[in-house]
Protein backbone atom coordinates (compact mmCIF):
# COMPACT_ATOMS: atom_id res chain seq x y z
CA MET A 1 -61.43 65.24 -41.47
CA LYS A 2 -59.41 65.14 -38.26
CA LYS A 3 -61.47 62.18 -36.96
CA SER A 4 -60.92 60.27 -40.20
CA TYR A 5 -57.16 60.95 -39.96
CA LEU A 6 -57.00 59.71 -36.35
CA LYS A 7 -58.95 56.60 -37.26
CA TYR A 8 -56.47 55.90 -40.07
CA VAL A 9 -53.47 56.33 -37.72
CA LEU A 10 -55.09 54.08 -35.12
CA ILE A 11 -55.61 51.32 -37.69
CA ILE A 12 -51.94 51.53 -38.72
CA ILE A 13 -50.81 51.29 -35.09
CA ILE A 14 -53.04 48.25 -34.50
CA VAL A 15 -51.72 46.53 -37.64
CA ILE A 16 -48.10 47.19 -36.58
CA LEU A 17 -48.74 45.86 -33.08
CA LEU A 18 -50.45 42.74 -34.42
CA SER A 19 -47.52 42.11 -36.78
CA PHE A 20 -45.29 41.82 -33.69
CA ILE A 21 -47.70 40.11 -31.30
CA LEU A 22 -49.22 37.42 -33.53
CA PRO A 23 -45.89 35.77 -34.52
CA LEU A 24 -44.93 35.66 -30.85
CA PHE A 25 -48.28 34.12 -29.98
CA PHE A 26 -47.98 31.42 -32.60
CA LYS A 27 -44.31 30.83 -31.78
CA ASN A 28 -45.09 30.30 -28.10
CA LYS A 29 -48.00 28.08 -29.00
CA ASN A 30 -45.74 26.07 -31.30
CA ASP A 31 -42.96 25.79 -28.66
CA ASN A 32 -45.46 24.60 -26.08
CA SER A 33 -46.53 21.80 -28.41
CA LYS A 34 -42.95 20.50 -28.64
CA GLN A 35 -41.46 17.89 -26.31
CA THR A 36 -38.46 19.30 -24.45
CA ILE A 37 -35.53 16.92 -23.97
CA THR A 38 -33.20 18.05 -21.19
CA PHE A 39 -29.65 17.00 -22.07
CA TRP A 40 -26.71 17.07 -19.63
CA THR A 41 -23.04 16.72 -20.60
CA LEU A 42 -19.87 16.67 -18.48
CA GLN A 43 -17.59 19.64 -19.11
CA LEU A 44 -17.95 19.80 -22.88
CA GLY A 45 -18.58 23.54 -23.07
CA THR A 46 -15.46 24.11 -25.17
CA PHE A 47 -17.21 22.21 -27.97
CA ASP A 48 -20.37 24.33 -27.80
CA GLU A 49 -20.35 25.21 -31.50
CA TYR A 50 -20.22 21.54 -32.51
CA ILE A 51 -22.85 20.46 -29.97
CA ASN A 52 -25.22 23.32 -30.83
CA ASN A 53 -24.91 22.42 -34.52
CA VAL A 54 -25.81 18.79 -33.79
CA ILE A 55 -28.77 19.92 -31.69
CA SER A 56 -29.94 22.29 -34.43
CA GLU A 57 -29.67 19.53 -37.06
CA PHE A 58 -31.63 17.11 -34.88
CA GLU A 59 -34.38 19.66 -34.22
CA LYS A 60 -34.70 20.34 -37.96
CA LYS A 61 -35.15 16.64 -38.68
CA ASN A 62 -37.38 16.13 -35.63
CA PRO A 63 -39.52 19.27 -35.25
CA GLN A 64 -41.54 17.65 -32.48
CA TYR A 65 -38.54 17.92 -30.13
CA LYS A 66 -36.70 20.81 -28.52
CA ILE A 67 -33.31 20.10 -26.89
CA LYS A 68 -32.35 21.95 -23.71
CA TRP A 69 -28.59 21.46 -23.29
CA ILE A 70 -26.89 21.99 -19.90
CA ASP A 71 -23.13 21.45 -19.45
CA ILE A 72 -22.15 20.32 -15.93
CA PRO A 73 -18.67 20.60 -14.35
CA TYR A 74 -17.11 17.12 -14.31
CA SER A 75 -16.59 17.18 -10.54
CA GLU A 76 -20.32 17.81 -9.96
CA GLY A 77 -21.70 15.29 -12.44
CA GLU A 78 -22.38 12.39 -10.07
CA LYS A 79 -23.70 14.53 -7.22
CA ARG A 80 -26.09 16.57 -9.38
CA THR A 81 -27.27 13.52 -11.31
CA LEU A 82 -28.03 11.61 -8.13
CA ALA A 83 -29.89 14.58 -6.64
CA SER A 84 -31.96 15.03 -9.83
CA ILE A 85 -32.83 11.33 -10.08
CA LEU A 86 -34.27 11.43 -6.56
CA THR A 87 -36.77 14.03 -7.76
CA ASP A 88 -39.69 13.51 -10.14
CA ASN A 89 -38.12 15.75 -12.79
CA PRO A 90 -34.65 14.45 -13.77
CA PRO A 91 -32.91 15.31 -17.06
CA ASP A 92 -33.85 13.07 -19.97
CA LEU A 93 -30.34 12.25 -21.17
CA VAL A 94 -27.16 12.36 -19.06
CA ASN A 95 -23.47 11.93 -19.91
CA LEU A 96 -21.83 9.77 -17.19
CA THR A 97 -19.05 7.26 -16.56
CA PRO A 98 -19.95 3.55 -16.83
CA ASP A 99 -19.07 2.93 -13.16
CA PHE A 100 -21.55 5.50 -11.87
CA SER A 101 -24.10 4.50 -14.50
CA LEU A 102 -23.85 0.91 -13.30
CA LEU A 103 -24.46 2.03 -9.72
CA LEU A 104 -27.68 3.74 -10.86
CA ALA A 105 -28.69 0.67 -12.89
CA GLN A 106 -28.22 -1.51 -9.82
CA LYS A 107 -30.69 0.77 -8.03
CA ASN A 108 -33.20 0.40 -10.91
CA ALA A 109 -32.93 4.12 -11.61
CA LEU A 110 -32.23 3.83 -15.36
CA PHE A 111 -34.33 3.09 -18.41
CA SER A 112 -33.37 -0.21 -20.11
CA ILE A 113 -32.44 0.06 -23.79
CA ASP A 114 -33.39 -2.59 -26.32
CA GLU A 115 -30.31 -4.08 -28.01
CA LYS A 116 -31.80 -3.48 -31.47
CA TYR A 117 -30.95 0.21 -31.04
CA LEU A 118 -27.28 -0.54 -30.32
CA ASN A 119 -26.26 -2.43 -33.46
CA ASP A 120 -24.02 0.39 -34.75
CA TYR A 121 -21.67 0.33 -31.76
CA ILE A 122 -18.49 -1.69 -31.24
CA PRO A 123 -19.79 -4.96 -29.70
CA GLU A 124 -17.29 -5.25 -26.82
CA ILE A 125 -17.99 -1.66 -25.82
CA LYS A 126 -21.77 -1.83 -25.90
CA ASN A 127 -21.70 -5.13 -24.00
CA SER A 128 -19.81 -3.44 -21.16
CA LEU A 129 -22.95 -1.37 -20.52
CA LYS A 130 -25.06 -4.32 -19.46
CA TYR A 131 -26.38 -5.34 -16.06
CA ASN A 132 -28.57 -8.40 -15.36
CA GLY A 133 -28.85 -8.99 -19.11
CA LYS A 134 -30.17 -5.47 -19.82
CA PHE A 135 -28.42 -2.51 -21.45
CA PHE A 136 -28.41 0.56 -19.23
CA GLY A 137 -26.44 2.99 -21.42
CA ILE A 138 -25.59 4.20 -24.90
CA PRO A 139 -21.83 4.44 -25.67
CA PHE A 140 -20.60 8.02 -26.22
CA TYR A 141 -16.82 7.95 -26.77
CA ALA A 142 -13.74 5.94 -25.78
CA THR A 143 -10.03 6.41 -25.17
CA SER A 144 -7.31 3.75 -25.20
CA ALA A 145 -3.86 4.55 -23.83
CA VAL A 146 -0.66 4.12 -25.84
CA THR A 147 2.96 3.66 -24.74
CA LEU A 148 5.41 6.52 -25.10
CA TYR A 149 9.15 5.92 -24.97
CA ASN A 150 12.12 8.26 -24.98
CA ARG A 151 14.79 7.17 -27.49
CA GLU A 152 17.42 9.14 -25.56
CA LEU A 153 16.81 6.97 -22.50
CA TYR A 154 16.33 3.58 -24.17
CA SER A 155 17.47 2.09 -27.48
CA GLY A 156 17.19 -1.69 -27.05
CA LYS A 157 14.50 -4.19 -27.96
CA LEU A 158 11.12 -2.56 -27.58
CA PRO A 159 8.74 -4.22 -25.10
CA LYS A 160 5.24 -5.30 -26.05
CA SER A 161 4.18 -6.41 -22.57
CA TYR A 162 4.72 -5.41 -18.96
CA ASP A 163 6.67 -8.64 -18.49
CA GLU A 164 9.20 -7.50 -21.11
CA LEU A 165 9.29 -3.95 -19.74
CA PHE A 166 9.99 -5.11 -16.17
CA LYS A 167 13.14 -6.94 -17.35
CA ILE A 168 14.71 -3.71 -18.61
CA ILE A 169 17.41 -2.19 -16.40
CA PRO A 170 17.05 1.61 -16.42
CA LYS A 171 19.89 4.01 -17.12
CA ARG A 172 21.40 5.94 -14.26
CA ASN A 173 19.15 8.70 -12.82
CA THR A 174 16.12 7.42 -14.72
CA TYR A 175 13.26 5.00 -14.06
CA ILE A 176 11.79 2.34 -16.34
CA THR A 177 8.27 3.68 -15.93
CA MET A 178 5.72 4.85 -13.39
CA ILE A 179 2.39 3.17 -12.70
CA SER A 180 0.11 5.22 -10.45
CA LEU A 181 -0.62 2.23 -8.22
CA THR A 182 -3.10 3.90 -5.87
CA GLU A 183 -4.97 6.09 -8.37
CA ASN A 184 -8.57 4.95 -8.88
CA ASP A 185 -8.60 1.47 -10.50
CA THR A 186 -5.15 1.64 -12.16
CA LEU A 187 -3.79 -1.35 -10.22
CA LEU A 188 -6.96 -3.37 -10.83
CA LYS A 189 -6.77 -2.68 -14.58
CA PHE A 190 -3.17 -3.82 -14.61
CA LEU A 191 -4.07 -7.08 -12.85
CA ASN A 192 -7.04 -7.60 -15.15
CA LYS A 193 -4.61 -7.86 -18.08
CA TYR A 194 -3.45 -11.10 -16.44
CA ASN A 195 -7.03 -12.32 -15.87
CA ILE A 196 -6.71 -11.52 -12.18
CA ASN A 197 -10.07 -9.88 -11.76
CA PHE A 198 -12.05 -11.37 -8.86
CA TYR A 199 -11.69 -12.31 -5.21
CA THR A 200 -11.27 -15.94 -6.26
CA ASN A 201 -7.91 -15.25 -7.97
CA ILE A 202 -6.55 -12.07 -6.39
CA ASN A 203 -4.44 -14.31 -4.14
CA SER A 204 -3.40 -16.74 -6.89
CA ALA A 205 0.20 -17.78 -7.59
CA LYS A 206 0.28 -15.46 -10.63
CA SER A 207 -0.94 -12.54 -8.53
CA ILE A 208 1.71 -13.16 -5.88
CA GLU A 209 4.33 -13.26 -8.66
CA LEU A 210 3.21 -9.89 -10.08
CA PHE A 211 3.17 -8.19 -6.69
CA SER A 212 6.63 -9.63 -6.03
CA ILE A 213 7.92 -8.14 -9.28
CA ILE A 214 6.45 -4.72 -8.43
CA LYS A 215 7.98 -4.89 -4.95
CA ASN A 216 11.38 -5.76 -6.41
CA LEU A 217 11.20 -2.83 -8.86
CA TYR A 218 10.20 -0.53 -6.01
CA LEU A 219 12.99 -1.62 -3.70
CA LYS A 220 15.62 -1.39 -6.47
CA ASN A 221 14.40 2.11 -7.32
CA TYR A 222 13.55 1.07 -10.87
CA ILE A 223 10.17 2.78 -10.46
CA PRO A 224 9.63 6.02 -8.49
CA LYS A 225 8.73 5.77 -4.81
CA GLU A 226 5.92 8.22 -5.65
CA SER A 227 4.20 5.44 -7.63
CA ILE A 228 2.10 4.75 -4.52
CA THR A 229 1.20 8.37 -3.76
CA GLN A 230 0.99 10.29 -7.03
CA THR A 231 -1.27 10.37 -10.09
CA HIS A 232 -0.86 9.87 -13.83
CA ARG A 233 -0.37 13.64 -14.20
CA ASP A 234 2.68 13.41 -11.93
CA ALA A 235 3.94 10.50 -14.04
CA LEU A 236 3.53 12.68 -17.12
CA GLU A 237 5.57 15.44 -15.45
CA LYS A 238 8.34 12.93 -14.76
CA TYR A 239 8.29 11.78 -18.39
CA MET A 240 8.49 15.39 -19.62
CA SER A 241 11.46 16.05 -17.33
CA GLY A 242 13.33 13.06 -18.78
CA GLN A 243 13.03 10.80 -15.71
CA LEU A 244 10.99 7.98 -17.30
CA ALA A 245 12.00 5.82 -20.25
CA PHE A 246 8.45 4.54 -20.85
CA LEU A 247 4.98 5.81 -20.01
CA VAL A 248 1.57 4.30 -20.73
CA THR A 249 -0.79 7.25 -21.06
CA GLY A 250 -3.57 8.81 -23.09
CA SER A 251 -2.71 10.18 -26.54
CA ASN A 252 -4.36 13.45 -25.48
CA PHE A 253 -1.24 14.26 -23.44
CA ILE A 254 1.14 14.17 -26.41
CA ASN A 255 0.35 17.75 -27.36
CA MET A 256 1.12 18.81 -23.77
CA ILE A 257 4.56 17.21 -24.11
CA LYS A 258 5.07 19.02 -27.42
CA GLU A 259 4.27 22.39 -25.85
CA ASN A 260 6.03 21.97 -22.50
CA ALA A 261 8.97 19.67 -23.24
CA PRO A 262 9.92 20.06 -26.94
CA SER A 263 13.24 18.22 -26.59
CA VAL A 264 11.52 15.20 -24.99
CA TYR A 265 8.80 15.39 -27.66
CA LYS A 266 11.45 15.12 -30.41
CA SER A 267 12.83 12.00 -28.73
CA THR A 268 9.41 10.40 -28.20
CA LYS A 269 8.15 7.45 -30.19
CA ILE A 270 4.81 5.65 -29.93
CA LEU A 271 4.15 1.99 -29.20
CA PRO A 272 0.89 0.12 -28.58
CA GLN A 273 -0.33 -0.08 -25.02
CA LEU A 274 1.61 -2.63 -22.94
CA THR A 275 -0.25 -5.89 -22.42
CA GLY A 276 -0.33 -8.78 -19.96
CA ASP A 277 -1.09 -12.49 -20.41
CA THR A 278 -4.29 -11.76 -22.34
CA ASN A 279 -2.49 -9.70 -25.05
CA LYS A 280 -5.49 -7.36 -25.05
CA TYR A 281 -5.86 -3.62 -24.51
CA ASP A 282 -7.93 -1.79 -21.96
CA TYR A 283 -9.89 1.39 -22.56
CA SER A 284 -11.93 4.08 -20.87
CA LEU A 285 -15.49 4.91 -21.83
CA MET A 286 -18.09 7.63 -21.44
CA ASN A 287 -21.74 6.89 -22.01
CA PHE A 288 -25.25 8.32 -21.98
CA VAL A 289 -28.04 7.14 -19.70
CA ILE A 290 -31.77 7.82 -19.58
CA PRO A 291 -33.26 8.07 -16.06
CA GLU A 292 -36.25 5.84 -15.42
CA LYS A 293 -38.25 8.89 -14.31
CA SER A 294 -37.55 10.77 -17.54
CA LYS A 295 -40.70 12.15 -19.15
CA ASN A 296 -39.22 11.82 -22.66
CA LYS A 297 -37.46 8.46 -22.72
CA HIS A 298 -37.97 7.67 -26.38
CA GLY A 299 -37.13 11.21 -27.52
CA ALA A 300 -33.96 11.08 -25.42
CA LEU A 301 -33.03 7.74 -27.01
CA GLU A 302 -33.58 9.13 -30.52
CA PHE A 303 -31.36 12.10 -29.76
CA ALA A 304 -28.63 9.95 -28.17
CA LEU A 305 -28.54 7.71 -31.25
CA PHE A 306 -28.39 10.76 -33.53
CA PHE A 307 -25.67 12.39 -31.41
CA THR A 308 -23.52 9.24 -31.68
CA ASN A 309 -24.17 8.29 -35.30
CA SER A 310 -21.15 7.72 -37.58
CA VAL A 311 -21.17 11.24 -39.07
CA ASN A 312 -21.34 13.07 -35.77
CA GLN A 313 -18.87 10.73 -34.05
CA LEU A 314 -16.29 11.26 -36.78
CA GLU A 315 -16.70 15.03 -36.68
CA PHE A 316 -16.36 15.07 -32.88
CA SER A 317 -13.24 12.89 -33.07
CA LYS A 318 -11.59 15.39 -35.41
CA LEU A 319 -12.12 18.12 -32.83
CA THR A 320 -10.75 16.12 -29.90
CA SER A 321 -8.43 13.22 -29.08
CA ILE A 322 -11.26 10.78 -28.35
CA LEU A 323 -12.16 7.63 -30.28
CA PRO A 324 -15.59 6.98 -31.75
CA VAL A 325 -17.59 4.04 -30.42
CA ASN A 326 -19.59 3.80 -33.63
CA LYS A 327 -18.18 0.82 -35.54
CA TYR A 328 -18.53 2.59 -38.90
CA ALA A 329 -16.88 5.85 -37.83
CA ILE A 330 -13.80 4.04 -36.46
CA LYS A 331 -13.14 2.59 -39.95
CA ASP A 332 -12.66 6.03 -41.54
CA GLU A 333 -9.23 6.79 -43.01
CA PHE A 334 -8.80 9.43 -40.31
CA PHE A 335 -7.93 6.47 -38.05
CA THR A 336 -5.91 4.49 -40.58
CA LYS A 337 -3.91 6.87 -42.84
CA LYS A 338 -0.32 6.96 -41.54
CA THR A 339 2.01 9.98 -41.35
CA ASP A 340 5.25 10.85 -39.53
CA ASP A 341 3.36 12.94 -36.96
CA ILE A 342 3.48 11.05 -33.65
CA GLN A 343 0.07 12.43 -32.64
CA VAL A 344 -1.43 10.86 -35.76
CA GLN A 345 0.47 7.63 -35.05
CA ALA A 346 -0.95 7.59 -31.53
CA ARG A 347 -4.47 8.06 -32.89
CA ILE A 348 -4.05 5.20 -35.39
CA ILE A 349 -2.58 2.84 -32.77
CA SER A 350 -5.22 3.61 -30.14
CA ALA A 351 -8.04 3.23 -32.70
CA ALA A 352 -6.67 -0.17 -33.81
CA GLN A 353 -6.63 -1.29 -30.17
CA LEU A 354 -10.44 -1.09 -30.08
CA ASN A 355 -10.39 -4.25 -32.24
CA ASN A 356 -8.78 -6.25 -29.44
CA LEU A 357 -10.26 -5.11 -26.13
CA GLN A 358 -9.70 -6.48 -22.67
CA THR A 359 -12.98 -7.41 -20.98
CA PRO A 360 -13.48 -4.84 -18.20
CA LEU A 361 -13.13 -5.82 -14.56
CA LEU A 362 -16.10 -7.79 -13.23
CA THR A 363 -18.62 -5.32 -11.90
CA VAL A 364 -19.27 -4.85 -8.19
CA LYS A 365 -21.69 -2.53 -6.46
CA ASN A 366 -18.99 -0.91 -4.34
CA LYS A 367 -16.36 -0.02 -6.95
CA LYS A 368 -14.90 2.83 -4.91
CA ASP A 369 -14.52 0.54 -1.90
CA LEU A 370 -12.75 -1.98 -4.11
CA ASN A 371 -10.35 0.72 -5.30
CA ILE A 372 -9.59 1.57 -1.67
CA LEU A 373 -8.91 -2.10 -0.89
CA SER A 374 -6.45 -2.36 -3.78
CA SER A 375 -4.68 0.84 -2.67
CA ASN A 376 -4.39 -0.42 0.90
CA CYS A 377 -3.07 -3.74 -0.39
CA ILE A 378 -0.18 -2.29 -2.40
CA GLN A 379 0.75 0.11 0.41
CA GLU A 380 0.88 -2.73 2.93
CA ILE A 381 3.23 -4.62 0.61
CA LEU A 382 5.50 -1.77 -0.47
CA ILE A 383 5.52 0.60 2.51
CA ASN A 384 4.88 -1.70 5.47
CA ASN A 385 6.78 -4.64 3.92
CA LYS A 386 4.01 -7.10 4.83
CA ASP A 387 4.03 -10.69 3.54
CA ILE A 388 2.53 -10.64 0.04
CA ALA A 389 0.53 -13.87 0.38
CA LEU A 390 -0.99 -12.80 3.72
CA VAL A 391 -1.95 -9.38 2.38
CA LEU A 392 -3.56 -10.86 -0.74
CA ASN A 393 -5.50 -13.42 1.33
CA LYS A 394 -6.91 -10.55 3.38
CA PHE A 395 -7.68 -8.64 0.16
CA ALA A 396 -9.59 -11.66 -1.18
CA GLN A 397 -11.69 -11.92 2.00
CA ASP A 398 -12.54 -8.22 2.01
CA TRP A 399 -13.33 -8.27 -1.73
CA GLU A 400 -15.74 -11.17 -1.25
CA LYS A 401 -17.63 -9.14 1.37
CA LEU A 402 -18.26 -6.45 -1.25
């Protein structure tokens, strides 16, 4: 009787153990049969709920794939990507800037994407991700700056271009604006709005005229002396403290003004981004790339296209201040329905600007070196008071060497 009882207990124990072990066995077996797509983003951890939901939805529709998402600090993105690409096991899909992506494309380190997969993106934006006739990236999201102006500091005819802005005489103890002339490619973007975008025309008559205008504004103290040493964040601080009448900046900073300078916020109105001779607007872009050594290129492409489809782009835009690069998402009423809220106005204006985009600066392999050349150029002119034509001739020669 006792033996029969023990046998019965033993059978129960075995059944219980198998009920736990067998599902784990089949789960592991099933996971091993899936293709893992390693996905890197740049400092998007605050949107983890949204991103995890997109990943979950993709995995449901594509059970053959498993997404492994890793969020990288923005400052480490380029270094870690480069290090991983030099190995035989890089991530399959990486969120990068177009400049760094181009550098990798020039080194043949990226998978080329057939244009047929990119039909849903804004044409001018997707075409900016092309090198030697091949697409090296998938657009992720864009931003396009707007112009803020303080009604307490200016009440005349509103400028549409930099030419009109530079003719305004500022009120006492204020400046017209602040352009961060030595920050990254700010100066080059400004010149590009006048079709000054290559070593063949950096020393043109129009270029000399523009540098002369900037020098005159600088010497008359119409723009801050810090324009050649400080960043756009410093310019924002000056706007919030009531020192600038106008500021071209990202719409994402409007909420910061609202929280930190409520009186300036109440006096702020929104205008389209200031233009140059081309009457077009510039923009900033983030994109995805697929390393050439990726073991799951086509899975990574499927996921990138899903991540940036019209539904997901629109949802992401509602959580952030970014603009969708999907040409169907940008047409949603979220980007067209007007209200009195200046943050909504900024969103509508910046979205409309994507219909009239300035062609980005002609690509060079040494973009950082070019930025340094432009910074040195403006400092020679403004600080060292060098002859503008001579400085620009030297700039043209050095640019050609790049």
